Amino acid sequence: MATIQSRLSSMLESTAGYYRPLFRSGSAKPLWHIMIATSVIMYTQNYIFNKGVHIQAARKEQKVALEEYYEKHGKSGHH
């Protein structure tokens, strides 16, 4: 547990050391980094918690339905 806390503390210190001068100089770089991090986090959460399971279930359902359709009507190149 102590090593995790020391690593976290070290990472926080190095991050602050990197971004503090950028914030003080008015650089846009921290803003871009925050926007990218927010987008990645939001996209990942959206996929994992909302779309991931639902889309996979819908694709499986469509595959089964298409197989049933082909069994009934045959598989041809025309409609």
C-alpha atoms as a PDB file:
ATOM      1  CA  MET A   1       0.000   0.000   0.000  1.00  0.00           C
ATOM      2  CA  ALA A   2       2.853   2.350   0.791  1.00  0.00           C
ATOM      3  CA  THR A   3       4.399   1.848  -2.638  1.00  0.00           C
ATOM      4  CA  ILE A   4       1.113   2.697  -4.343  1.00  0.00           C
ATOM      5  CA  GLN A   5       0.829   5.875  -2.303  1.00  0.00           C
ATOM      6  CA  SER A   6       4.430   6.826  -3.025  1.00  0.00           C
ATOM      7  CA  ARG A   7       3.996   6.166  -6.753  1.00  0.00           C
ATOM      8  CA  LEU A   8       0.775   8.180  -6.811  1.00  0.00           C
ATOM      9  CA  SER A   9       2.451  11.004  -4.924  1.00  0.00           C
ATOM     10  CA  SER A  10       5.422  10.935  -7.297  1.00  0.00           C
ATOM     11  CA  MET A  11       3.148  10.926 -10.353  1.00  0.00           C
ATOM     12  CA  LEU A  12       1.112  13.834  -8.976  1.00  0.00           C
ATOM     13  CA  GLU A  13       4.277  15.787  -8.250  1.00  0.00           C
ATOM     14  CA  SER A  14       5.731  15.226 -11.731  1.00  0.00           C
ATOM     15  CA  THR A  15       2.398  16.072 -13.383  1.00  0.00           C
ATOM     16  CA  ALA A  16       2.151  19.287 -11.399  1.00  0.00           C
ATOM     17  CA  GLY A  17       5.736  20.105 -12.290  1.00  0.00           C
ATOM     18  CA  TYR A  18       4.975  19.642 -15.980  1.00  0.00           C
ATOM     19  CA  TYR A  19       1.650  21.495 -16.151  1.00  0.00           C
ATOM     20  CA  ARG A  20       2.188  24.336 -13.675  1.00  0.00           C
ATOM     21  CA  PRO A  21       4.473  26.371 -15.994  1.00  0.00           C
ATOM     22  CA  LEU A  22       2.134  25.719 -18.914  1.00  0.00           C
ATOM     23  CA  PHE A  23      -0.880  27.027 -16.968  1.00  0.00           C
ATOM     24  CA  ARG A  24       1.033  30.072 -15.780  1.00  0.00           C
ATOM     25  CA  SER A  25       2.209  30.946 -19.304  1.00  0.00           C
ATOM     26  CA  GLY A  26      -1.313  30.648 -20.706  1.00  0.00           C
ATOM     27  CA  SER A  27      -0.536  27.715 -22.987  1.00  0.00           C
ATOM     28  CA  ALA A  28      -3.385  25.845 -24.689  1.00  0.00           C
ATOM     29  CA  LYS A  29      -1.613  22.495 -24.300  1.00  0.00           C
ATOM     30  CA  PRO A  30      -3.191  21.623 -20.909  1.00  0.00           C
ATOM     31  CA  LEU A  31      -6.626  22.397 -22.321  1.00  0.00           C
ATOM     32  CA  TRP A  32      -6.058  19.994 -25.224  1.00  0.00           C
ATOM     33  CA  HIS A  33      -4.809  17.290 -22.867  1.00  0.00           C
ATOM     34  CA  ILE A  34      -7.850  17.693 -20.611  1.00  0.00           C
ATOM     35  CA  MET A  35     -10.238  17.587 -23.589  1.00  0.00           C
ATOM     36  CA  ILE A  36      -8.608  14.457 -25.021  1.00  0.00           C
ATOM     37  CA  ALA A  37      -8.591  12.703 -21.641  1.00  0.00           C
ATOM     38  CA  THR A  38     -12.244  13.596 -21.067  1.00  0.00           C
ATOM     39  CA  SER A  39     -13.219  12.308 -24.517  1.00  0.00           C
ATOM     40  CA  VAL A  40     -11.380   9.019 -24.036  1.00  0.00           C
ATOM     41  CA  ILE A  41     -12.893   8.470 -20.601  1.00  0.00           C
ATOM     42  CA  MET A  42     -16.424   9.329 -21.747  1.00  0.00           C
ATOM     43  CA  TYR A  43     -16.217   7.164 -24.886  1.00  0.00           C
ATOM     44  CA  THR A  44     -14.889   4.213 -22.895  1.00  0.00           C
ATOM     45  CA  GLN A  45     -17.581   4.518 -20.237  1.00  0.00           C
ATOM     46  CA  ASN A  46     -20.288   4.883 -22.861  1.00  0.00           C
ATOM     47  CA  TYR A  47     -19.120   1.769 -24.689  1.00  0.00           C
ATOM     48  CA  ILE A  48     -18.645  -0.363 -21.586  1.00  0.00           C
ATOM     49  CA  PHE A  49     -21.784   0.587 -19.693  1.00  0.00           C
ATOM     50  CA  ASN A  50     -24.282   1.502 -22.423  1.00  0.00           C
ATOM     51  CA  LYS A  51     -23.485   0.178 -25.847  1.00  0.00           C
ATOM     52  CA  GLY A  52     -21.148  -2.762 -25.474  1.00  0.00           C
ATOM     53  CA  VAL A  53     -23.526  -5.446 -24.253  1.00  0.00           C
ATOM     54  CA  HIS A  54     -26.570  -4.055 -26.063  1.00  0.00           C
ATOM     55  CA  ILE A  55     -24.878  -3.864 -29.454  1.00  0.00           C
ATOM     56  CA  GLN A  56     -23.432  -7.355 -29.106  1.00  0.00           C
ATOM     57  CA  ALA A  57     -26.856  -8.729 -28.177  1.00  0.00           C
ATOM     58  CA  ALA A  58     -28.482  -6.921 -31.114  1.00  0.00           C
ATOM     59  CA  ARG A  59     -25.882  -8.277 -33.543  1.00  0.00           C
ATOM     60  CA  LYS A  60     -26.418 -11.803 -32.253  1.00  0.00           C
ATOM     61  CA  GLU A  61     -30.188 -11.392 -32.612  1.00  0.00           C
ATOM     62  CA  GLN A  62     -29.786 -10.092 -36.177  1.00  0.00           C
ATOM     63  CA  LYS A  63     -27.500 -12.985 -37.071  1.00  0.00           C
ATOM     64  CA  VAL A  64     -30.021 -15.536 -35.779  1.00  0.00           C
ATOM     65  CA  ALA A  65     -32.874 -13.779 -37.593  1.00  0.00           C
ATOM     66  CA  LEU A  66     -30.897 -13.687 -40.848  1.00  0.00           C
ATOM     67  CA  GLU A  67     -30.088 -17.398 -40.571  1.00  0.00           C
ATOM     68  CA  GLU A  68     -33.775 -18.163 -40.028  1.00  0.00           C
ATOM     69  CA  TYR A  69     -34.681 -16.019 -43.027  1.00  0.00           C
ATOM     70  CA  TYR A  70     -32.171 -17.843 -45.243  1.00  0.00           C
ATOM     71  CA  GLU A  71     -33.556 -21.198 -44.072  1.00  0.00           C
ATOM     72  CA  LYS A  72     -37.082 -20.122 -45.054  1.00  0.00           C
ATOM     73  CA  HIS A  73     -36.396 -18.246 -48.279  1.00  0.00           C
ATOM     74  CA  GLY A  74     -33.026 -19.533 -49.426  1.00  0.00           C
ATOM     75  CA  LYS A  75     -29.913 -17.537 -50.032  1.00  0.00           C
ATOM     76  CA  SER A  76     -29.818 -15.852 -53.416  1.00  0.00           C
ATOM     77  CA  GLY A  77     -28.052 -12.850 -54.890  1.00  0.00           C
ATOM     78  CA  HIS A  78     -31.336 -11.079 -55.692  1.00  0.00           C
ATOM     79  CA  HIS A  79     -34.095  -9.724 -53.496  1.00  0.00           C
END
